[in-house]
Amino acid sequence: MAFVVLLIALGLAAPRFFTVGNLTDVLRQAVPIAVIAFGATFVIGMRGIDLSVGSTLALTGLVTANLLVLGYSVPVACLAGLALGAFIGVINGLLITKIGITDFIATMAIMVVSRGVVMVYTQGIPITGASDPAFRMIGQSYLAGVPVPVVLTVIVFAAAFYLLYYTRFGRFVLSIGSNPDAARLVGIPTDKVKIAVYVLAGVLSAFAGIMLTSRLESAMPEAGQGYELDVIAAVVIGGTGLSGGRATLFGTVVGAVLMAVVRNGLNLLNVNTFWHQVVIGTIILVAVTADRFNRSRKT
């Protein structure tokens, strides 16, 4: 209901909001957040957190673009980007499960390191020239009038939905989120599942990075900055509790679109970009407060 009210309000305040071109832009803007948020739904449903997703997007997009510029084929470049995303996920998982660092600190450290690598390599200058026609199709082409990134996002959603709700792995994830100690006692390999979840988050962040790089035909050093907040907001607004044990991917889709709508609306209304983070932070605060209130009311 609140989402519908927001749409109506934006339509009245900014007449251009409901134009076909603008709505298409909203969907395009929602794609990277949605894809990353699907992985974050597993992480948060497992009672974890991953702050490295935006930096992972930037670093994997950089590697993919750089390989294309060096003359490697599109499949090789994309697979390298996805492999790097998986590797970052493995590092996150090992730091948390084997070293014993809390997920917040571990993923924050990887976030800083990854962003630092991007800045050191690029010196703050975009990597341009990723203009291979086959690569451009990933982020710029249409299929039956629908942007290919949106089609790919739907496919990722379907795969994530099946994995979370119809496989043993998904049940393990939610069991760990509900009670990690009980999950361990009944024989669930909690460490392996946690590592696998962070790998999934890393791969989906990399996939989002590849799509964004394809759309821009370049790797931007600042790509993905602030995505951590947008992703967490999308997941929590969608109904996945920070306390773990429950997750809703349909809600995550709504949350991702809502975040894109909010940012698009703020731009159309010419709101200073410095206020965007204030609005996003307020949305997260309201969502977390509502989640805490609902849980306390149920108990």
Protein backbone atom coordinates (compact mmCIF):
# COMPACT_ATOMS: atom_id res chain seq x y z
CA MET A 1 0.00 0.00 0.00
CA ALA A 2 2.80 2.42 0.93
CA PHE A 3 4.48 1.60 -2.39
CA VAL A 4 1.33 2.53 -4.33
CA VAL A 5 1.00 5.78 -2.39
CA LEU A 6 4.63 6.60 -3.20
CA LEU A 7 4.05 5.98 -6.92
CA ILE A 8 0.99 8.22 -6.96
CA ALA A 9 2.80 10.96 -5.06
CA LEU A 10 5.76 10.88 -7.43
CA GLY A 11 3.42 10.88 -10.43
CA LEU A 12 1.74 14.03 -9.13
CA ALA A 13 4.97 15.76 -8.09
CA ALA A 14 6.93 14.81 -11.21
CA PRO A 15 4.73 14.34 -14.31
CA ARG A 16 7.65 12.75 -16.20
CA PHE A 17 7.74 9.87 -13.72
CA PHE A 18 5.09 7.78 -15.51
CA THR A 19 6.56 8.17 -18.99
CA VAL A 20 7.63 4.95 -20.69
CA GLY A 21 11.21 6.09 -20.95
CA ASN A 22 11.46 6.94 -17.27
CA LEU A 23 9.81 3.71 -16.11
CA THR A 24 12.25 1.78 -18.29
CA ASP A 25 15.09 3.67 -16.62
CA VAL A 26 13.67 2.73 -13.20
CA LEU A 27 13.72 -0.94 -14.16
CA ARG A 28 17.29 -0.65 -15.42
CA GLN A 29 18.33 1.07 -12.20
CA ALA A 30 16.63 -1.63 -10.14
CA VAL A 31 18.44 -4.49 -11.92
CA PRO A 32 21.84 -4.40 -10.17
CA ILE A 33 20.29 -3.81 -6.75
CA ALA A 34 17.77 -6.61 -7.30
CA VAL A 35 20.37 -9.15 -8.47
CA ILE A 36 22.67 -8.39 -5.54
CA ALA A 37 19.71 -8.35 -3.15
CA PHE A 38 18.74 -11.90 -4.18
CA GLY A 39 22.09 -13.06 -2.81
CA ALA A 40 21.76 -10.79 0.22
CA THR A 41 18.39 -12.39 0.96
CA PHE A 42 20.20 -15.66 1.56
CA VAL A 43 22.85 -13.91 3.67
CA ILE A 44 20.41 -11.99 5.84
CA GLY A 45 18.01 -14.94 6.03
CA MET A 46 20.99 -16.85 7.47
CA ARG A 47 21.40 -14.07 10.05
CA GLY A 48 24.46 -12.66 8.32
CA ILE A 49 25.49 -9.44 6.63
CA ASP A 50 27.63 -8.64 3.60
CA LEU A 51 28.98 -5.12 3.23
CA SER A 52 31.35 -6.01 0.40
CA VAL A 53 28.76 -6.31 -2.37
CA GLY A 54 29.23 -2.84 -3.85
CA SER A 55 33.02 -3.13 -3.93
CA THR A 56 32.74 -6.62 -5.38
CA LEU A 57 30.57 -5.22 -8.17
CA ALA A 58 33.17 -2.54 -8.91
CA LEU A 59 36.18 -4.88 -8.82
CA THR A 60 34.63 -7.63 -10.93
CA GLY A 61 33.34 -5.08 -13.43
CA LEU A 62 36.85 -3.65 -13.63
CA VAL A 63 38.41 -7.06 -14.27
CA THR A 64 35.82 -7.93 -16.91
CA ALA A 65 36.25 -4.61 -18.74
CA ASN A 66 40.04 -4.76 -18.55
CA LEU A 67 40.15 -8.25 -20.04
CA LEU A 68 37.90 -7.15 -22.90
CA VAL A 69 40.13 -4.15 -23.58
CA LEU A 70 43.14 -6.50 -23.62
CA GLY A 71 41.45 -8.53 -26.35
CA TYR A 72 40.06 -11.51 -24.46
CA SER A 73 36.74 -12.97 -25.59
CA VAL A 74 33.47 -12.05 -23.93
CA PRO A 75 32.93 -15.51 -22.34
CA VAL A 76 36.46 -15.53 -20.89
CA ALA A 77 36.12 -12.00 -19.51
CA CYS A 78 32.70 -12.66 -17.98
CA LEU A 79 33.73 -15.99 -16.47
CA ALA A 80 36.80 -14.32 -14.97
CA GLY A 81 34.56 -11.69 -13.38
CA LEU A 82 32.21 -14.30 -11.97
CA ALA A 83 35.15 -16.38 -10.70
CA LEU A 84 36.56 -13.35 -8.91
CA GLY A 85 33.16 -12.74 -7.30
CA ALA A 86 33.11 -16.35 -6.10
CA PHE A 87 36.65 -15.99 -4.76
CA ILE A 88 35.70 -12.89 -2.77
CA GLY A 89 32.75 -14.84 -1.38
CA VAL A 90 35.07 -17.67 -0.34
CA ILE A 91 37.35 -15.20 1.46
CA ASN A 92 34.37 -13.69 3.28
CA GLY A 93 33.10 -17.12 4.26
CA LEU A 94 36.50 -18.35 5.49
CA LEU A 95 37.13 -15.21 7.53
CA ILE A 96 33.77 -15.68 9.24
CA THR A 97 33.70 -19.46 9.74
CA LYS A 98 37.36 -20.43 10.14
CA ILE A 99 39.01 -17.30 11.54
CA GLY A 100 36.02 -16.34 13.65
CA ILE A 101 35.76 -12.71 12.58
CA THR A 102 32.25 -11.32 12.79
CA ASP A 103 30.48 -10.98 9.46
CA PHE A 104 30.19 -7.21 9.84
CA ILE A 105 33.92 -6.68 10.35
CA ALA A 106 35.03 -9.32 7.82
CA THR A 107 32.90 -8.05 4.96
CA MET A 108 33.63 -4.42 5.82
CA ALA A 109 37.36 -5.16 5.58
CA ILE A 110 36.90 -6.86 2.20
CA MET A 111 34.79 -3.91 1.10
CA VAL A 112 37.61 -1.49 1.90
CA VAL A 113 40.33 -3.69 0.37
CA SER A 114 38.38 -4.30 -2.84
CA ARG A 115 37.54 -0.63 -3.30
CA GLY A 116 41.16 0.24 -2.60
CA VAL A 117 42.35 -2.17 -5.28
CA VAL A 118 39.96 -0.58 -7.77
CA MET A 119 41.19 2.91 -6.96
CA VAL A 120 44.87 1.95 -7.03
CA TYR A 121 44.54 0.20 -10.39
CA THR A 122 42.42 2.84 -12.10
CA GLN A 123 43.80 5.92 -10.31
CA GLY A 124 40.18 7.05 -10.27
CA ILE A 125 39.94 6.98 -14.07
CA PRO A 126 37.25 4.82 -15.75
CA ILE A 127 38.33 1.85 -17.85
CA THR A 128 36.77 2.48 -21.25
CA GLY A 129 36.66 0.47 -24.45
CA ALA A 130 34.50 -2.45 -23.30
CA SER A 131 32.42 -2.03 -26.44
CA ASP A 132 32.39 -5.53 -27.92
CA PRO A 133 28.99 -5.93 -29.65
CA ALA A 134 28.36 -9.27 -27.93
CA PHE A 135 29.17 -7.73 -24.56
CA ARG A 136 26.93 -4.72 -25.19
CA MET A 137 24.01 -7.07 -25.73
CA ILE A 138 24.10 -8.09 -22.05
CA GLY A 139 23.27 -4.63 -20.79
CA GLN A 140 21.80 -2.72 -23.72
CA SER A 141 19.75 -4.97 -25.98
CA TYR A 142 16.05 -5.87 -25.88
CA LEU A 143 14.17 -9.14 -26.08
CA ALA A 144 10.58 -8.85 -27.29
CA GLY A 145 10.61 -5.21 -26.22
CA VAL A 146 11.94 -5.98 -22.73
CA PRO A 147 15.47 -4.92 -21.73
CA VAL A 148 17.74 -7.96 -21.61
CA PRO A 149 19.03 -7.03 -18.10
CA VAL A 150 15.44 -7.28 -16.85
CA VAL A 151 15.04 -10.69 -18.52
CA LEU A 152 18.30 -11.87 -16.94
CA THR A 153 17.14 -10.60 -13.56
CA VAL A 154 13.92 -12.61 -13.86
CA ILE A 155 15.97 -15.72 -14.66
CA VAL A 156 18.22 -15.12 -11.65
CA PHE A 157 15.15 -14.61 -9.48
CA ALA A 158 13.63 -17.91 -10.64
CA ALA A 159 16.86 -19.77 -9.90
CA ALA A 160 17.22 -18.14 -6.48
CA PHE A 161 13.56 -18.83 -5.67
CA TYR A 162 13.98 -22.52 -6.48
CA LEU A 163 17.22 -22.73 -4.53
CA LEU A 164 15.79 -21.08 -1.42
CA TYR A 165 12.39 -22.75 -1.24
CA TYR A 166 12.73 -26.08 -3.01
CA THR A 167 16.16 -27.41 -2.11
CA ARG A 168 17.81 -28.78 1.00
CA PHE A 169 20.36 -26.01 0.77
CA GLY A 170 17.64 -23.36 1.15
CA ARG A 171 16.20 -25.16 4.17
CA PHE A 172 19.67 -25.31 5.70
CA VAL A 173 20.11 -21.56 5.19
CA LEU A 174 16.88 -20.70 6.99
CA SER A 175 17.54 -23.28 9.71
CA ILE A 176 20.90 -21.67 10.46
CA GLY A 177 19.19 -18.29 10.54
CA SER A 178 16.58 -19.54 12.98
CA ASN A 179 19.01 -21.22 15.39
CA PRO A 180 22.66 -21.81 14.42
CA ASP A 181 23.40 -24.02 17.41
CA ALA A 182 20.37 -26.23 16.85
CA ALA A 183 21.22 -26.47 13.14
CA ARG A 184 24.71 -27.65 14.03
CA LEU A 185 23.40 -30.21 16.51
CA VAL A 186 21.08 -31.82 13.94
CA GLY A 187 23.98 -32.32 11.56
CA ILE A 188 23.74 -29.36 9.22
CA PRO A 189 27.26 -28.45 7.96
CA THR A 190 26.87 -24.85 9.04
CA ASP A 191 30.35 -23.69 8.01
CA LYS A 192 30.03 -25.10 4.48
CA VAL A 193 26.57 -23.62 4.07
CA LYS A 194 27.75 -20.20 5.26
CA ILE A 195 30.69 -20.22 2.86
CA ALA A 196 28.39 -21.28 0.01
CA VAL A 197 25.99 -18.44 0.81
CA TYR A 198 28.76 -15.85 0.69
CA VAL A 199 30.00 -17.36 -2.57
CA LEU A 200 26.49 -16.99 -3.97
CA ALA A 201 26.41 -13.36 -2.83
CA GLY A 202 29.78 -12.75 -4.46
CA VAL A 203 28.79 -14.34 -7.77
CA LEU A 204 25.55 -12.37 -7.97
CA SER A 205 27.40 -9.15 -7.14
CA ALA A 206 29.82 -9.96 -9.96
CA PHE A 207 26.94 -10.68 -12.34
CA ALA A 208 25.41 -7.31 -11.47
CA GLY A 209 28.81 -5.74 -12.09
CA ILE A 210 29.05 -7.34 -15.52
CA MET A 211 25.58 -6.11 -16.51
CA LEU A 212 26.34 -2.59 -15.28
CA THR A 213 29.69 -2.54 -17.09
CA SER A 214 27.97 -3.72 -20.27
CA ARG A 215 25.36 -0.98 -20.03
CA LEU A 216 27.97 1.75 -19.49
CA GLU A 217 30.58 0.17 -21.83
CA SER A 218 33.14 1.04 -19.17
CA ALA A 219 34.15 0.20 -15.62
CA MET A 220 33.65 3.14 -13.28
CA PRO A 221 35.90 3.25 -10.18
CA GLU A 222 33.00 4.55 -8.08
CA ALA A 223 30.55 1.91 -9.32
CA GLY A 224 28.54 0.30 -6.56
CA GLN A 225 29.26 2.93 -3.92
CA GLY A 226 26.37 2.99 -1.49
CA TYR A 227 24.88 -0.22 -2.87
CA GLU A 228 25.36 -1.87 0.52
CA LEU A 229 22.70 0.40 1.99
CA ASP A 230 20.32 0.01 -0.94
CA VAL A 231 20.64 -3.78 -0.89
CA ILE A 232 20.08 -4.08 2.86
CA ALA A 233 17.12 -1.72 2.61
CA ALA A 234 15.62 -3.70 -0.30
CA VAL A 235 15.92 -6.99 1.57
CA VAL A 236 14.61 -5.72 4.91
CA ILE A 237 11.79 -3.68 3.38
CA GLY A 238 10.82 -6.83 1.49
CA GLY A 239 10.22 -8.69 4.73
CA THR A 240 13.42 -10.66 5.34
CA GLY A 241 14.18 -10.18 9.02
CA LEU A 242 17.65 -9.17 10.18
CA SER A 243 17.27 -11.72 12.96
CA GLY A 244 17.33 -14.50 10.34
CA GLY A 245 15.19 -17.57 9.85
CA ARG A 246 12.80 -16.13 7.29
CA ALA A 247 13.25 -14.73 3.82
CA THR A 248 11.01 -13.58 1.03
CA LEU A 249 12.42 -13.12 -2.46
CA PHE A 250 9.19 -11.63 -3.79
CA GLY A 251 9.49 -8.98 -1.11
CA THR A 252 13.09 -8.39 -2.12
CA VAL A 253 11.96 -7.61 -5.67
CA VAL A 254 9.48 -5.04 -4.33
CA GLY A 255 12.16 -3.57 -2.09
CA ALA A 256 14.66 -3.28 -4.95
CA VAL A 257 12.14 -1.56 -7.20
CA LEU A 258 11.16 0.72 -4.32
CA MET A 259 14.78 1.80 -3.84
CA ALA A 260 15.09 2.51 -7.58
CA VAL A 261 11.83 4.47 -7.53
CA VAL A 262 12.99 6.53 -4.54
CA ARG A 263 16.33 7.43 -6.16
CA ASN A 264 14.66 8.16 -9.51
CA GLY A 265 12.02 10.31 -7.85
CA LEU A 266 14.62 12.29 -5.92
CA ASN A 267 16.49 12.94 -9.16
CA LEU A 268 13.34 14.04 -10.99
CA LEU A 269 12.53 16.40 -8.13
CA ASN A 270 16.08 17.80 -8.29
CA VAL A 271 16.79 16.90 -4.67
CA ASN A 272 20.43 17.45 -3.75
CA THR A 273 22.32 14.13 -3.98
CA PHE A 274 23.65 14.64 -0.46
CA TRP A 275 20.09 14.13 0.78
CA HIS A 276 19.74 10.79 -0.98
CA GLN A 277 21.70 8.96 1.70
CA VAL A 278 19.63 10.64 4.38
CA VAL A 279 16.46 9.33 2.75
CA ILE A 280 17.87 5.82 2.25
CA GLY A 281 19.13 5.70 5.83
CA THR A 282 15.73 6.79 7.10
CA ILE A 283 14.04 4.07 5.05
CA ILE A 284 16.39 1.45 6.55
CA LEU A 285 15.71 2.75 10.06
CA VAL A 286 11.94 2.60 9.55
CA ALA A 287 12.15 -0.90 8.04
CA VAL A 288 14.31 -2.27 10.87
CA THR A 289 12.10 -0.64 13.50
CA ALA A 290 9.00 -2.14 11.89
CA ASP A 291 10.67 -5.56 11.76
CA ARG A 292 11.63 -5.35 15.43
CA PHE A 293 8.10 -4.25 16.36
CA ASN A 294 6.51 -7.11 14.44
CA ARG A 295 8.80 -9.70 16.07
CA SER A 296 8.16 -8.35 19.58
CA ARG A 297 4.40 -8.33 18.95
CA LYS A 298 4.48 -11.97 17.84
CA THR A 299 6.37 -13.00 20.95
